[in-house]
Amino acid sequence: MGNMDVTLATLMATDWIIAGSLTVYLNRSRTGIRQTEKTINRIIMLSLNNGIVTSVLDVITLVLAATQKDNLLYGAFFNVLANVYTNTTLATLNSRKAIKATTTTVPSVQLDSTINLRVPASLTLHSISEDKHGASLA
């Protein structure tokens, strides 16, 4: 088993471990709230899809590297594999916004920055600085 075979086997095992551990962790994080369940399901599907795509290419590249040592056909898949890893990472980062947009159901409230207070005419600074017996509070 050469260095390339060890590298590809490690990549494949890492993909399986990451996808599996994410699935187990997210399944343990279930709350019973419908929107949260939808979000968890989407994240699980995304991680499994990314893991499956990269694992399939890992297996193909590993088989070609082990059986076709005479030609460099495995090199083409190995180069594609690097692009797939990059694209799955970017897809994961880009999907955060879409997942958040579809699961946010809390209405936004816009607060006015000005507060209008009406002070009764009977309430003056003089009456505020004295208590009810006429003694000065200051």
C-alpha atoms as a PDB file:
ATOM      1  CA  MET A   1       0.000   0.000   0.000  1.00  0.00           C
ATOM      2  CA  GLY A   2       1.588   3.219  -1.176  1.00  0.00           C
ATOM      3  CA  ASN A   3       1.377   6.748   0.132  1.00  0.00           C
ATOM      4  CA  MET A   4      -1.455   7.565  -2.265  1.00  0.00           C
ATOM      5  CA  ASP A   5      -3.502   4.603  -1.024  1.00  0.00           C
ATOM      6  CA  VAL A   6      -3.003   5.588   2.612  1.00  0.00           C
ATOM      7  CA  THR A   7      -3.954   9.183   1.844  1.00  0.00           C
ATOM      8  CA  LEU A   8      -7.135   8.174   0.036  1.00  0.00           C
ATOM      9  CA  ALA A   9      -8.111   5.666   2.727  1.00  0.00           C
ATOM     10  CA  THR A  10      -7.594   8.351   5.371  1.00  0.00           C
ATOM     11  CA  LEU A  11      -9.706  10.824   3.400  1.00  0.00           C
ATOM     12  CA  MET A  12     -12.472   8.265   3.017  1.00  0.00           C
ATOM     13  CA  ALA A  13     -12.435   7.347   6.715  1.00  0.00           C
ATOM     14  CA  THR A  14     -12.435  11.017   7.683  1.00  0.00           C
ATOM     15  CA  ASP A  15     -15.471  11.694   5.469  1.00  0.00           C
ATOM     16  CA  TRP A  16     -17.355   8.815   7.094  1.00  0.00           C
ATOM     17  CA  ILE A  17     -16.391   9.876  10.615  1.00  0.00           C
ATOM     18  CA  ILE A  18     -17.411  13.504  10.046  1.00  0.00           C
ATOM     19  CA  ALA A  19     -20.746  12.648   8.391  1.00  0.00           C
ATOM     20  CA  GLY A  20     -21.532   9.988  10.993  1.00  0.00           C
ATOM     21  CA  SER A  21     -20.602  12.078  14.015  1.00  0.00           C
ATOM     22  CA  LEU A  22     -22.582  15.061  12.705  1.00  0.00           C
ATOM     23  CA  THR A  23     -25.616  12.844  12.190  1.00  0.00           C
ATOM     24  CA  VAL A  24     -25.382  11.343  15.687  1.00  0.00           C
ATOM     25  CA  TYR A  25     -24.776  14.705  17.353  1.00  0.00           C
ATOM     26  CA  LEU A  26     -27.635  16.413  15.505  1.00  0.00           C
ATOM     27  CA  ASN A  27     -30.022  13.537  16.215  1.00  0.00           C
ATOM     28  CA  ARG A  28     -29.245  13.905  19.919  1.00  0.00           C
ATOM     29  CA  SER A  29     -29.984  17.641  19.678  1.00  0.00           C
ATOM     30  CA  ARG A  30     -33.623  17.182  18.700  1.00  0.00           C
ATOM     31  CA  THR A  31     -36.059  19.307  20.704  1.00  0.00           C
ATOM     32  CA  GLY A  32     -39.487  18.361  19.386  1.00  0.00           C
ATOM     33  CA  ILE A  33     -40.123  21.838  18.023  1.00  0.00           C
ATOM     34  CA  ARG A  34     -41.225  21.566  14.394  1.00  0.00           C
ATOM     35  CA  GLN A  35     -39.028  24.366  12.997  1.00  0.00           C
ATOM     36  CA  THR A  36     -35.982  23.091  14.850  1.00  0.00           C
ATOM     37  CA  GLU A  37     -36.637  19.575  13.575  1.00  0.00           C
ATOM     38  CA  LYS A  38     -36.810  20.890   9.997  1.00  0.00           C
ATOM     39  CA  THR A  39     -33.520  22.712  10.438  1.00  0.00           C
ATOM     40  CA  ILE A  40     -31.812  19.676  11.974  1.00  0.00           C
ATOM     41  CA  ASN A  41     -33.086  17.451   9.153  1.00  0.00           C
ATOM     42  CA  ARG A  42     -31.753  19.859   6.526  1.00  0.00           C
ATOM     43  CA  ILE A  43     -28.339  20.051   8.165  1.00  0.00           C
ATOM     44  CA  ILE A  44     -28.186  16.249   8.460  1.00  0.00           C
ATOM     45  CA  MET A  45     -29.096  15.840   4.784  1.00  0.00           C
ATOM     46  CA  LEU A  46     -26.490  18.409   3.769  1.00  0.00           C
ATOM     47  CA  SER A  47     -23.720  16.730   5.766  1.00  0.00           C
ATOM     48  CA  LEU A  48     -24.659  13.255   4.532  1.00  0.00           C
ATOM     49  CA  ASN A  49     -24.843  14.408   0.907  1.00  0.00           C
ATOM     50  CA  ASN A  50     -21.456  16.087   1.152  1.00  0.00           C
ATOM     51  CA  GLY A  51     -19.966  13.020   2.823  1.00  0.00           C
ATOM     52  CA  ILE A  52     -21.450  10.613   0.278  1.00  0.00           C
ATOM     53  CA  VAL A  53     -20.233  12.596  -2.734  1.00  0.00           C
ATOM     54  CA  THR A  54     -16.687  12.867  -1.459  1.00  0.00           C
ATOM     55  CA  SER A  55     -16.631   9.242  -0.219  1.00  0.00           C
ATOM     56  CA  VAL A  56     -17.741   7.878  -3.593  1.00  0.00           C
ATOM     57  CA  LEU A  57     -14.982   9.819  -5.319  1.00  0.00           C
ATOM     58  CA  ASP A  58     -12.520   8.615  -2.657  1.00  0.00           C
ATOM     59  CA  VAL A  59     -13.479   4.996  -3.348  1.00  0.00           C
ATOM     60  CA  ILE A  60     -13.227   5.420  -7.135  1.00  0.00           C
ATOM     61  CA  THR A  61      -9.840   7.102  -6.834  1.00  0.00           C
ATOM     62  CA  LEU A  62      -8.600   4.480  -4.356  1.00  0.00           C
ATOM     63  CA  VAL A  63      -9.696   1.603  -6.605  1.00  0.00           C
ATOM     64  CA  LEU A  64      -8.108   3.205  -9.655  1.00  0.00           C
ATOM     65  CA  ALA A  65      -4.902   3.971  -7.770  1.00  0.00           C
ATOM     66  CA  ALA A  66      -4.685   0.370  -6.546  1.00  0.00           C
ATOM     67  CA  THR A  67      -5.596  -1.357  -9.819  1.00  0.00           C
ATOM     68  CA  GLN A  68      -4.393   1.009 -12.551  1.00  0.00           C
ATOM     69  CA  LYS A  69      -0.862   1.823 -11.458  1.00  0.00           C
ATOM     70  CA  ASP A  70       0.332   1.756 -15.095  1.00  0.00           C
ATOM     71  CA  ASN A  71      -1.613   4.857 -16.123  1.00  0.00           C
ATOM     72  CA  LEU A  72      -2.517   8.089 -14.427  1.00  0.00           C
ATOM     73  CA  LEU A  73      -6.294   7.740 -14.663  1.00  0.00           C
ATOM     74  CA  TYR A  74      -6.528   7.932 -10.870  1.00  0.00           C
ATOM     75  CA  GLY A  75      -4.760  11.308 -11.067  1.00  0.00           C
ATOM     76  CA  ALA A  76      -7.711  12.787 -12.941  1.00  0.00           C
ATOM     77  CA  PHE A  77     -10.105  11.647 -10.218  1.00  0.00           C
ATOM     78  CA  PHE A  78      -7.703  12.816  -7.523  1.00  0.00           C
ATOM     79  CA  ASN A  79      -7.677  16.324  -9.042  1.00  0.00           C
ATOM     80  CA  VAL A  80     -11.460  16.299  -9.337  1.00  0.00           C
ATOM     81  CA  LEU A  81     -11.634  15.172  -5.720  1.00  0.00           C
ATOM     82  CA  ALA A  82      -9.781  18.285  -4.572  1.00  0.00           C
ATOM     83  CA  ASN A  83     -12.310  20.464  -6.415  1.00  0.00           C
ATOM     84  CA  VAL A  84     -15.219  18.503  -4.943  1.00  0.00           C
ATOM     85  CA  TYR A  85     -13.899  19.060  -1.414  1.00  0.00           C
ATOM     86  CA  THR A  86     -13.670  22.776  -2.124  1.00  0.00           C
ATOM     87  CA  ASN A  87     -17.150  22.895  -3.646  1.00  0.00           C
ATOM     88  CA  THR A  88     -18.750  20.979  -0.771  1.00  0.00           C
ATOM     89  CA  THR A  89     -17.150  23.368   1.707  1.00  0.00           C
ATOM     90  CA  LEU A  90     -18.453  26.365  -0.241  1.00  0.00           C
ATOM     91  CA  ALA A  91     -21.891  24.750  -0.586  1.00  0.00           C
ATOM     92  CA  THR A  92     -22.023  24.273   3.175  1.00  0.00           C
ATOM     93  CA  LEU A  93     -21.079  27.888   3.794  1.00  0.00           C
ATOM     94  CA  ASN A  94     -23.585  29.153   1.216  1.00  0.00           C
ATOM     95  CA  SER A  95     -26.402  26.973   2.557  1.00  0.00           C
ATOM     96  CA  ARG A  96     -26.300  28.601   5.994  1.00  0.00           C
ATOM     97  CA  LYS A  97     -28.135  31.659   4.707  1.00  0.00           C
ATOM     98  CA  ALA A  98     -30.784  29.584   2.917  1.00  0.00           C
ATOM     99  CA  ILE A  99     -31.377  27.345   5.937  1.00  0.00           C
ATOM    100  CA  LYS A 100     -31.669  30.339   8.238  1.00  0.00           C
ATOM    101  CA  ALA A 101     -34.069  32.136   5.862  1.00  0.00           C
ATOM    102  CA  THR A 102     -36.415  29.167   5.579  1.00  0.00           C
ATOM    103  CA  THR A 103     -36.527  28.396   9.294  1.00  0.00           C
ATOM    104  CA  THR A 104     -36.856  31.862  10.792  1.00  0.00           C
ATOM    105  CA  THR A 105     -40.488  32.424  11.704  1.00  0.00           C
ATOM    106  CA  VAL A 106     -40.132  35.113  14.353  1.00  0.00           C
ATOM    107  CA  PRO A 107     -41.528  38.366  12.983  1.00  0.00           C
ATOM    108  CA  SER A 108     -39.129  41.230  13.047  1.00  0.00           C
ATOM    109  CA  VAL A 109     -40.090  44.259  15.072  1.00  0.00           C
ATOM    110  CA  GLN A 110     -38.761  47.640  14.111  1.00  0.00           C
ATOM    111  CA  LEU A 111     -38.501  50.005  17.017  1.00  0.00           C
ATOM    112  CA  ASP A 112     -38.836  53.722  16.611  1.00  0.00           C
ATOM    113  CA  SER A 113     -35.729  55.503  17.825  1.00  0.00           C
ATOM    114  CA  THR A 114     -37.645  58.484  19.240  1.00  0.00           C
ATOM    115  CA  ILE A 115     -39.770  58.397  22.351  1.00  0.00           C
ATOM    116  CA  ASN A 116     -42.440  61.040  22.770  1.00  0.00           C
ATOM    117  CA  LEU A 117     -43.316  61.745  26.389  1.00  0.00           C
ATOM    118  CA  ARG A 118     -46.095  64.096  27.381  1.00  0.00           C
ATOM    119  CA  VAL A 119     -45.581  65.812  30.698  1.00  0.00           C
ATOM    120  CA  PRO A 120     -48.706  67.208  32.319  1.00  0.00           C
ATOM    121  CA  ALA A 121     -48.649  70.971  32.813  1.00  0.00           C
ATOM    122  CA  SER A 122     -49.256  70.521  36.545  1.00  0.00           C
ATOM    123  CA  LEU A 123     -45.984  68.637  36.868  1.00  0.00           C
ATOM    124  CA  THR A 124     -43.160  71.146  36.914  1.00  0.00           C
ATOM    125  CA  LEU A 125     -39.542  70.964  37.974  1.00  0.00           C
ATOM    126  CA  HIS A 126     -40.453  72.765  41.184  1.00  0.00           C
ATOM    127  CA  SER A 127     -43.070  70.163  42.114  1.00  0.00           C
ATOM    128  CA  ILE A 128     -40.704  67.286  41.298  1.00  0.00           C
ATOM    129  CA  SER A 129     -37.967  68.617  43.612  1.00  0.00           C
ATOM    130  CA  GLU A 130     -40.302  68.675  46.650  1.00  0.00           C
ATOM    131  CA  ASP A 131     -42.011  65.788  48.366  1.00  0.00           C
ATOM    132  CA  LYS A 132     -45.706  65.777  49.235  1.00  0.00           C
ATOM    133  CA  HIS A 133     -45.097  67.755  52.492  1.00  0.00           C
ATOM    134  CA  GLY A 134     -43.219  70.538  50.743  1.00  0.00           C
ATOM    135  CA  ALA A 135     -39.763  69.450  51.941  1.00  0.00           C
ATOM    136  CA  SER A 136     -36.934  69.754  49.472  1.00  0.00           C
ATOM    137  CA  LEU A 137     -35.656  66.470  48.003  1.00  0.00           C
ATOM    138  CA  ALA A 138     -32.306  67.911  47.009  1.00  0.00           C
END
